[in-house]
Amino acid sequence: MKHEEEPGPFGPFYRRWRAPLGRMLARYFKTPADIEDATQEVFVRMLVADKRLPADEERPYLHQVVRSVAAFAQRKAPQ
């Protein structure tokens, strides 16, 4: 059975930012798996925060979340 996309405001946001987030995160993560994990972490943080931003504030906010995810990953990485 094919999974149907859930309606709601997050779907368009996800589709709009999925690829750009991957490119942003590629600056911090090297493997495709790490980039994918970090991308999902950014989206999870956005859902948990339940942020509804005007379109002109999305990119700056996402950059902030990307930096936070990257810093967290760097702190928890084995030295």
PDB file of N, CA and C in Angstrom:
ATOM      1  N   MET A   1       0.844  -1.185   0.000  1.00  0.00           N
ATOM      2  CA  MET A   1       0.000   0.000   0.000  1.00  0.00           C
ATOM      3  C   MET A   1       0.886   1.244   0.000  1.00  0.00           C
ATOM      4  N   LYS A   2       0.591   2.172  -0.862  1.00  0.00           N
ATOM      5  CA  LYS A   2       1.374   3.403  -0.963  1.00  0.00           C
ATOM      6  C   LYS A   2       0.996   4.352   0.165  1.00  0.00           C
ATOM      7  N   HIS A   3       2.036   4.927   0.798  1.00  0.00           N
ATOM      8  CA  HIS A   3       1.800   5.895   1.869  1.00  0.00           C
ATOM      9  C   HIS A   3       1.335   7.211   1.252  1.00  0.00           C
ATOM     10  N   GLU A   4       0.193   7.661   1.679  1.00  0.00           N
ATOM     11  CA  GLU A   4      -0.339   8.928   1.186  1.00  0.00           C
ATOM     12  C   GLU A   4       0.243  10.073   2.000  1.00  0.00           C
ATOM     13  N   GLU A   5       0.577  11.148   1.325  1.00  0.00           N
ATOM     14  CA  GLU A   5       1.129  12.322   1.999  1.00  0.00           C
ATOM     15  C   GLU A   5       0.062  12.949   2.883  1.00  0.00           C
ATOM     16  N   GLU A   6       0.458  13.250   4.103  1.00  0.00           N
ATOM     17  CA  GLU A   6      -0.460  13.870   5.046  1.00  0.00           C
ATOM     18  C   GLU A   6      -0.683  15.335   4.659  1.00  0.00           C
ATOM     19  N   PRO A   7      -1.927  15.779   4.692  1.00  0.00           N
ATOM     20  CA  PRO A   7      -2.164  17.195   4.418  1.00  0.00           C
ATOM     21  C   PRO A   7      -1.695  18.031   5.597  1.00  0.00           C
ATOM     22  N   GLY A   8      -1.411  19.251   5.353  1.00  0.00           N
ATOM     23  CA  GLY A   8      -1.012  20.143   6.434  1.00  0.00           C
ATOM     24  C   GLY A   8       0.037  21.119   5.971  1.00  0.00           C
ATOM     25  N   PRO A   9       0.366  22.065   6.833  1.00  0.00           N
ATOM     26  CA  PRO A   9       1.286  23.131   6.441  1.00  0.00           C
ATOM     27  C   PRO A   9       2.739  22.683   6.332  1.00  0.00           C
ATOM     28  N   PHE A  10       3.108  21.558   6.940  1.00  0.00           N
ATOM     29  CA  PHE A  10       4.513  21.169   6.912  1.00  0.00           C
ATOM     30  C   PHE A  10       4.935  20.545   5.586  1.00  0.00           C
ATOM     31  N   GLY A  11       3.997  19.931   4.865  1.00  0.00           N
ATOM     32  CA  GLY A  11       4.326  19.296   3.595  1.00  0.00           C
ATOM     33  C   GLY A  11       4.956  20.242   2.584  1.00  0.00           C
ATOM     34  N   PRO A  12       4.333  21.385   2.307  1.00  0.00           N
ATOM     35  CA  PRO A  12       4.947  22.324   1.359  1.00  0.00           C
ATOM     36  C   PRO A  12       6.301  22.851   1.853  1.00  0.00           C
ATOM     37  N   PHE A  13       6.413  23.078   3.155  1.00  0.00           N
ATOM     38  CA  PHE A  13       7.684  23.536   3.729  1.00  0.00           C
ATOM     39  C   PHE A  13       8.769  22.485   3.490  1.00  0.00           C
ATOM     40  N   TYR A  14       8.437  21.224   3.746  1.00  0.00           N
ATOM     41  CA  TYR A  14       9.385  20.131   3.548  1.00  0.00           C
ATOM     42  C   TYR A  14       9.824  20.059   2.085  1.00  0.00           C
ATOM     43  N   ARG A  15       8.858  20.077   1.170  1.00  0.00           N
ATOM     44  CA  ARG A  15       9.196  19.991  -0.253  1.00  0.00           C
ATOM     45  C   ARG A  15      10.041  21.173  -0.704  1.00  0.00           C
ATOM     46  N   ARG A  16       9.765  22.344  -0.188  1.00  0.00           N
ATOM     47  CA  ARG A  16      10.498  23.552  -0.575  1.00  0.00           C
ATOM     48  C   ARG A  16      11.941  23.530  -0.067  1.00  0.00           C
ATOM     49  N   TRP A  17      12.167  22.998   1.123  1.00  0.00           N
ATOM     50  CA  TRP A  17      13.475  23.110   1.764  1.00  0.00           C
ATOM     51  C   TRP A  17      14.298  21.833   1.779  1.00  0.00           C
ATOM     52  N   ARG A  18      13.753  20.707   1.350  1.00  0.00           N
ATOM     53  CA  ARG A  18      14.479  19.425   1.415  1.00  0.00           C
ATOM     54  C   ARG A  18      15.822  19.494   0.698  1.00  0.00           C
ATOM     55  N   ALA A  19      15.852  19.844  -0.561  1.00  0.00           N
ATOM     56  CA  ALA A  19      17.102  19.902  -1.324  1.00  0.00           C
ATOM     57  C   ALA A  19      18.027  21.026  -0.839  1.00  0.00           C
ATOM     58  N   PRO A  20      17.512  22.240  -0.613  1.00  0.00           N
ATOM     59  CA  PRO A  20      18.413  23.294  -0.116  1.00  0.00           C
ATOM     60  C   PRO A  20      19.058  22.942   1.233  1.00  0.00           C
ATOM     61  N   LEU A  21      18.314  22.276   2.111  1.00  0.00           N
ATOM     62  CA  LEU A  21      18.903  21.876   3.388  1.00  0.00           C
ATOM     63  C   LEU A  21      20.038  20.885   3.181  1.00  0.00           C
ATOM     64  N   GLY A  22      19.856  19.957   2.268  1.00  0.00           N
ATOM     65  CA  GLY A  22      20.930  19.004   1.970  1.00  0.00           C
ATOM     66  C   GLY A  22      22.184  19.717   1.509  1.00  0.00           C
ATOM     67  N   ARG A  23      22.022  20.742   0.694  1.00  0.00           N
ATOM     68  CA  ARG A  23      23.195  21.505   0.224  1.00  0.00           C
ATOM     69  C   ARG A  23      23.834  22.284   1.368  1.00  0.00           C
ATOM     70  N   MET A  24      23.018  22.881   2.235  1.00  0.00           N
ATOM     71  CA  MET A  24      23.560  23.599   3.398  1.00  0.00           C
ATOM     72  C   MET A  24      24.352  22.656   4.294  1.00  0.00           C
ATOM     73  N   LEU A  25      23.785  21.487   4.535  1.00  0.00           N
ATOM     74  CA  LEU A  25      24.408  20.541   5.457  1.00  0.00           C
ATOM     75  C   LEU A  25      25.635  19.872   4.864  1.00  0.00           C
ATOM     76  N   ALA A  26      25.752  19.843   3.542  1.00  0.00           N
ATOM     77  CA  ALA A  26      26.921  19.249   2.891  1.00  0.00           C
ATOM     78  C   ALA A  26      28.204  20.015   3.246  1.00  0.00           C
ATOM     79  N   ARG A  27      28.065  21.235   3.707  1.00  0.00           N
ATOM     80  CA  ARG A  27      29.245  22.004   4.145  1.00  0.00           C
ATOM     81  C   ARG A  27      29.818  21.429   5.440  1.00  0.00           C
ATOM     82  N   TYR A  28      28.976  20.772   6.218  1.00  0.00           N
ATOM     83  CA  TYR A  28      29.364  20.296   7.540  1.00  0.00           C
ATOM     84  C   TYR A  28      29.533  18.783   7.616  1.00  0.00           C
ATOM     85  N   PHE A  29      28.845  18.043   6.749  1.00  0.00           N
ATOM     86  CA  PHE A  29      28.854  16.586   6.792  1.00  0.00           C
ATOM     87  C   PHE A  29      29.362  16.053   5.462  1.00  0.00           C
ATOM     88  N   LYS A  30      30.103  14.959   5.510  1.00  0.00           N
ATOM     89  CA  LYS A  30      30.745  14.447   4.296  1.00  0.00           C
ATOM     90  C   LYS A  30      29.986  13.331   3.601  1.00  0.00           C
ATOM     91  N   THR A  31      29.384  12.423   4.350  1.00  0.00           N
ATOM     92  CA  THR A  31      28.746  11.277   3.708  1.00  0.00           C
ATOM     93  C   THR A  31      27.267  11.570   3.430  1.00  0.00           C
ATOM     94  N   PRO A  32      26.735  10.975   2.379  1.00  0.00           N
ATOM     95  CA  PRO A  32      25.301  11.151   2.102  1.00  0.00           C
ATOM     96  C   PRO A  32      24.426  10.716   3.282  1.00  0.00           C
ATOM     97  N   ALA A  33      24.814   9.662   3.977  1.00  0.00           N
ATOM     98  CA  ALA A  33      24.023   9.196   5.126  1.00  0.00           C
ATOM     99  C   ALA A  33      24.020  10.231   6.240  1.00  0.00           C
ATOM    100  N   ASP A  34      25.171  10.846   6.505  1.00  0.00           N
ATOM    101  CA  ASP A  34      25.238  11.875   7.548  1.00  0.00           C
ATOM    102  C   ASP A  34      24.438  13.111   7.156  1.00  0.00           C
ATOM    103  N   ILE A  35      24.487  13.469   5.887  1.00  0.00           N
ATOM    104  CA  ILE A  35      23.716  14.617   5.400  1.00  0.00           C
ATOM    105  C   ILE A  35      22.220  14.329   5.541  1.00  0.00           C
ATOM    106  N   GLU A  36      21.809  13.118   5.172  1.00  0.00           N
ATOM    107  CA  GLU A  36      20.395  12.738   5.286  1.00  0.00           C
ATOM    108  C   GLU A  36      19.945  12.749   6.753  1.00  0.00           C
ATOM    109  N   ASP A  37      20.758  12.182   7.636  1.00  0.00           N
ATOM    110  CA  ASP A  37      20.417  12.177   9.068  1.00  0.00           C
ATOM    111  C   ASP A  37      20.279  13.601   9.600  1.00  0.00           C
ATOM    112  N   ALA A  38      21.216  14.463   9.231  1.00  0.00           N
ATOM    113  CA  ALA A  38      21.185  15.847   9.698  1.00  0.00           C
ATOM    114  C   ALA A  38      19.983  16.593   9.117  1.00  0.00           C
ATOM    115  N   THR A  39      19.644  16.323   7.863  1.00  0.00           N
ATOM    116  CA  THR A  39      18.471  16.950   7.248  1.00  0.00           C
ATOM    117  C   THR A  39      17.214  16.585   8.024  1.00  0.00           C
ATOM    118  N   GLN A  40      17.082  15.316   8.336  1.00  0.00           N
ATOM    119  CA  GLN A  40      15.918  14.881   9.098  1.00  0.00           C
ATOM    120  C   GLN A  40      15.910  15.501  10.493  1.00  0.00           C
ATOM    121  N   GLU A  41      17.078  15.649  11.098  1.00  0.00           N
ATOM    122  CA  GLU A  41      17.160  16.282  12.425  1.00  0.00           C
ATOM    123  C   GLU A  41      16.679  17.736  12.367  1.00  0.00           C
ATOM    124  N   VAL A  42      17.034  18.452  11.317  1.00  0.00           N
ATOM    125  CA  VAL A  42      16.570  19.835  11.165  1.00  0.00           C
ATOM    126  C   VAL A  42      15.043  19.854  11.084  1.00  0.00           C
ATOM    127  N   PHE A  43      14.470  18.979  10.280  1.00  0.00           N
ATOM    128  CA  PHE A  43      13.013  18.949  10.157  1.00  0.00           C
ATOM    129  C   PHE A  43      12.343  18.545  11.466  1.00  0.00           C
ATOM    130  N   VAL A  44      12.927  17.609  12.177  1.00  0.00           N
ATOM    131  CA  VAL A  44      12.365  17.209  13.476  1.00  0.00           C
ATOM    132  C   VAL A  44      12.374  18.396  14.433  1.00  0.00           C
ATOM    133  N   ARG A  45      13.475  19.115  14.461  1.00  0.00           N
ATOM    134  CA  ARG A  45      13.550  20.291  15.346  1.00  0.00           C
ATOM    135  C   ARG A  45      12.514  21.338  14.959  1.00  0.00           C
ATOM    136  N   MET A  46      12.290  21.516  13.671  1.00  0.00           N
ATOM    137  CA  MET A  46      11.276  22.480  13.232  1.00  0.00           C
ATOM    138  C   MET A  46       9.878  22.018  13.671  1.00  0.00           C
ATOM    139  N   LEU A  47       9.598  20.728  13.547  1.00  0.00           N
ATOM    140  CA  LEU A  47       8.290  20.217  13.964  1.00  0.00           C
ATOM    141  C   LEU A  47       8.095  20.345  15.469  1.00  0.00           C
ATOM    142  N   VAL A  48       9.118  19.994  16.234  1.00  0.00           N
ATOM    143  CA  VAL A  48       9.019  20.069  17.695  1.00  0.00           C
ATOM    144  C   VAL A  48       8.825  21.516  18.141  1.00  0.00           C
ATOM    145  N   ALA A  49       9.538  22.428  17.497  1.00  0.00           N
ATOM    146  CA  ALA A  49       9.423  23.845  17.851  1.00  0.00           C
ATOM    147  C   ALA A  49       8.088  24.423  17.390  1.00  0.00           C
ATOM    148  N   ASP A  50       7.428  23.746  16.460  1.00  0.00           N
ATOM    149  CA  ASP A  50       6.149  24.186  15.905  1.00  0.00           C
ATOM    150  C   ASP A  50       6.231  25.629  15.400  1.00  0.00           C
ATOM    151  N   LYS A  51       7.324  25.909  14.679  1.00  0.00           N
ATOM    152  CA  LYS A  51       7.550  27.248  14.132  1.00  0.00           C
ATOM    153  C   LYS A  51       6.741  27.463  12.868  1.00  0.00           C
ATOM    154  N   ARG A  52       6.084  28.579  12.803  1.00  0.00           N
ATOM    155  CA  ARG A  52       5.409  29.040  11.589  1.00  0.00           C
ATOM    156  C   ARG A  52       6.047  30.378  11.258  1.00  0.00           C
ATOM    157  N   LEU A  53       6.854  30.387  10.229  1.00  0.00           N
ATOM    158  CA  LEU A  53       7.613  31.582   9.888  1.00  0.00           C
ATOM    159  C   LEU A  53       7.128  32.197   8.588  1.00  0.00           C
ATOM    160  N   PRO A  54       7.215  33.524   8.488  1.00  0.00           N
ATOM    161  CA  PRO A  54       6.986  34.148   7.179  1.00  0.00           C
ATOM    162  C   PRO A  54       8.070  33.662   6.206  1.00  0.00           C
ATOM    163  N   ALA A  55       7.749  33.590   4.944  1.00  0.00           N
ATOM    164  CA  ALA A  55       8.670  33.056   3.940  1.00  0.00           C
ATOM    165  C   ALA A  55      10.044  33.731   3.981  1.00  0.00           C
ATOM    166  N   ASP A  56      10.083  35.037   4.231  1.00  0.00           N
ATOM    167  CA  ASP A  56      11.366  35.739   4.230  1.00  0.00           C
ATOM    168  C   ASP A  56      12.210  35.446   5.472  1.00  0.00           C
ATOM    169  N   GLU A  57      11.640  34.777   6.468  1.00  0.00           N
ATOM    170  CA  GLU A  57      12.392  34.430   7.675  1.00  0.00           C
ATOM    171  C   GLU A  57      12.801  32.951   7.712  1.00  0.00           C
ATOM    172  N   GLU A  58      12.326  32.176   6.752  1.00  0.00           N
ATOM    173  CA  GLU A  58      12.625  30.744   6.767  1.00  0.00           C
ATOM    174  C   GLU A  58      14.117  30.464   6.596  1.00  0.00           C
ATOM    175  N   ARG A  59      14.734  31.044   5.569  1.00  0.00           N
ATOM    176  CA  ARG A  59      16.145  30.744   5.297  1.00  0.00           C
ATOM    177  C   ARG A  59      17.050  31.123   6.471  1.00  0.00           C
ATOM    178  N   PRO A  60      16.959  32.323   7.027  1.00  0.00           N
ATOM    179  CA  PRO A  60      17.844  32.648   8.166  1.00  0.00           C
ATOM    180  C   PRO A  60      17.625  31.720   9.366  1.00  0.00           C
ATOM    181  N   TYR A  61      16.375  31.383   9.625  1.00  0.00           N
ATOM    182  CA  TYR A  61      16.098  30.490  10.754  1.00  0.00           C
ATOM    183  C   TYR A  61      16.663  29.100  10.487  1.00  0.00           C
ATOM    184  N   LEU A  62      16.483  28.597   9.279  1.00  0.00           N
ATOM    185  CA  LEU A  62      17.012  27.277   8.940  1.00  0.00           C
ATOM    186  C   LEU A  62      18.533  27.257   9.008  1.00  0.00           C
ATOM    187  N   HIS A  63      19.186  28.330   8.592  1.00  0.00           N
ATOM    188  CA  HIS A  63      20.653  28.403   8.720  1.00  0.00           C
ATOM    189  C   HIS A  63      21.055  28.270  10.187  1.00  0.00           C
ATOM    190  N   GLN A  64      20.316  28.900  11.058  1.00  0.00           N
ATOM    191  CA  GLN A  64      20.601  28.817  12.494  1.00  0.00           C
ATOM    192  C   GLN A  64      20.437  27.378  12.989  1.00  0.00           C
ATOM    193  N   VAL A  65      19.379  26.717  12.579  1.00  0.00           N
ATOM    194  CA  VAL A  65      19.147  25.333  12.993  1.00  0.00           C
ATOM    195  C   VAL A  65      20.219  24.420  12.408  1.00  0.00           C
ATOM    196  N   VAL A  66      20.608  24.634  11.169  1.00  0.00           N
ATOM    197  CA  VAL A  66      21.674  23.847  10.536  1.00  0.00           C
ATOM    198  C   VAL A  66      22.967  23.974  11.335  1.00  0.00           C
ATOM    199  N   ARG A  67      23.323  25.176  11.712  1.00  0.00           N
ATOM    200  CA  ARG A  67      24.550  25.371  12.496  1.00  0.00           C
ATOM    201  C   ARG A  67      24.452  24.660  13.847  1.00  0.00           C
ATOM    202  N   SER A  68      23.287  24.702  14.450  1.00  0.00           N
ATOM    203  CA  SER A  68      23.079  24.031  15.725  1.00  0.00           C
ATOM    204  C   SER A  68      23.218  22.515  15.586  1.00  0.00           C
ATOM    205  N   VAL A  69      22.613  21.948  14.557  1.00  0.00           N
ATOM    206  CA  VAL A  69      22.708  20.506  14.317  1.00  0.00           C
ATOM    207  C   VAL A  69      24.160  20.108  14.047  1.00  0.00           C
ATOM    208  N   ALA A  70      24.861  20.902  13.243  1.00  0.00           N
ATOM    209  CA  ALA A  70      26.259  20.608  12.943  1.00  0.00           C
ATOM    210  C   ALA A  70      27.132  20.699  14.190  1.00  0.00           C
ATOM    211  N   ALA A  71      26.917  21.709  15.010  1.00  0.00           N
ATOM    212  CA  ALA A  71      27.701  21.855  16.244  1.00  0.00           C
ATOM    213  C   ALA A  71      27.435  20.696  17.197  1.00  0.00           C
ATOM    214  N   PHE A  72      26.182  20.282  17.316  1.00  0.00           N
ATOM    215  CA  PHE A  72      25.847  19.150  18.177  1.00  0.00           C
ATOM    216  C   PHE A  72      26.535  17.888  17.678  1.00  0.00           C
ATOM    217  N   ALA A  73      26.507  17.638  16.383  1.00  0.00           N
ATOM    218  CA  ALA A  73      27.137  16.455  15.816  1.00  0.00           C
ATOM    219  C   ALA A  73      28.647  16.482  16.056  1.00  0.00           C
ATOM    220  N   GLN A  74      29.235  17.649  15.951  1.00  0.00           N
ATOM    221  CA  GLN A  74      30.682  17.758  16.165  1.00  0.00           C
ATOM    222  C   GLN A  74      31.032  17.492  17.630  1.00  0.00           C
ATOM    223  N   ARG A  75      30.213  17.973  18.545  1.00  0.00           N
ATOM    224  CA  ARG A  75      30.470  17.755  19.978  1.00  0.00           C
ATOM    225  C   ARG A  75      30.350  16.286  20.349  1.00  0.00           C
ATOM    226  N   LYS A  76      29.410  15.584  19.750  1.00  0.00           N
ATOM    227  CA  LYS A  76      29.206  14.191  20.144  1.00  0.00           C
ATOM    228  C   LYS A  76      30.088  13.210  19.353  1.00  0.00           C
ATOM    229  N   ALA A  77      30.776  13.698  18.336  1.00  0.00           N
ATOM    230  CA  ALA A  77      31.661  12.829  17.543  1.00  0.00           C
ATOM    231  C   ALA A  77      32.869  12.412  18.387  1.00  0.00           C
ATOM    232  N   PRO A  78      33.316  11.156  18.208  1.00  0.00           N
ATOM    233  CA  PRO A  78      34.495  10.721  18.956  1.00  0.00           C
ATOM    234  C   PRO A  78      35.716  11.547  18.540  1.00  0.00           C
ATOM    235  N   GLN A  79      36.512  11.847  19.503  1.00  0.00           N
ATOM    236  CA  GLN A  79      37.712  12.669  19.253  1.00  0.00           C
ATOM    237  C   GLN A  79      38.861  11.850  18.755  1.00  0.00           C
TER     238      GLN A  79
END
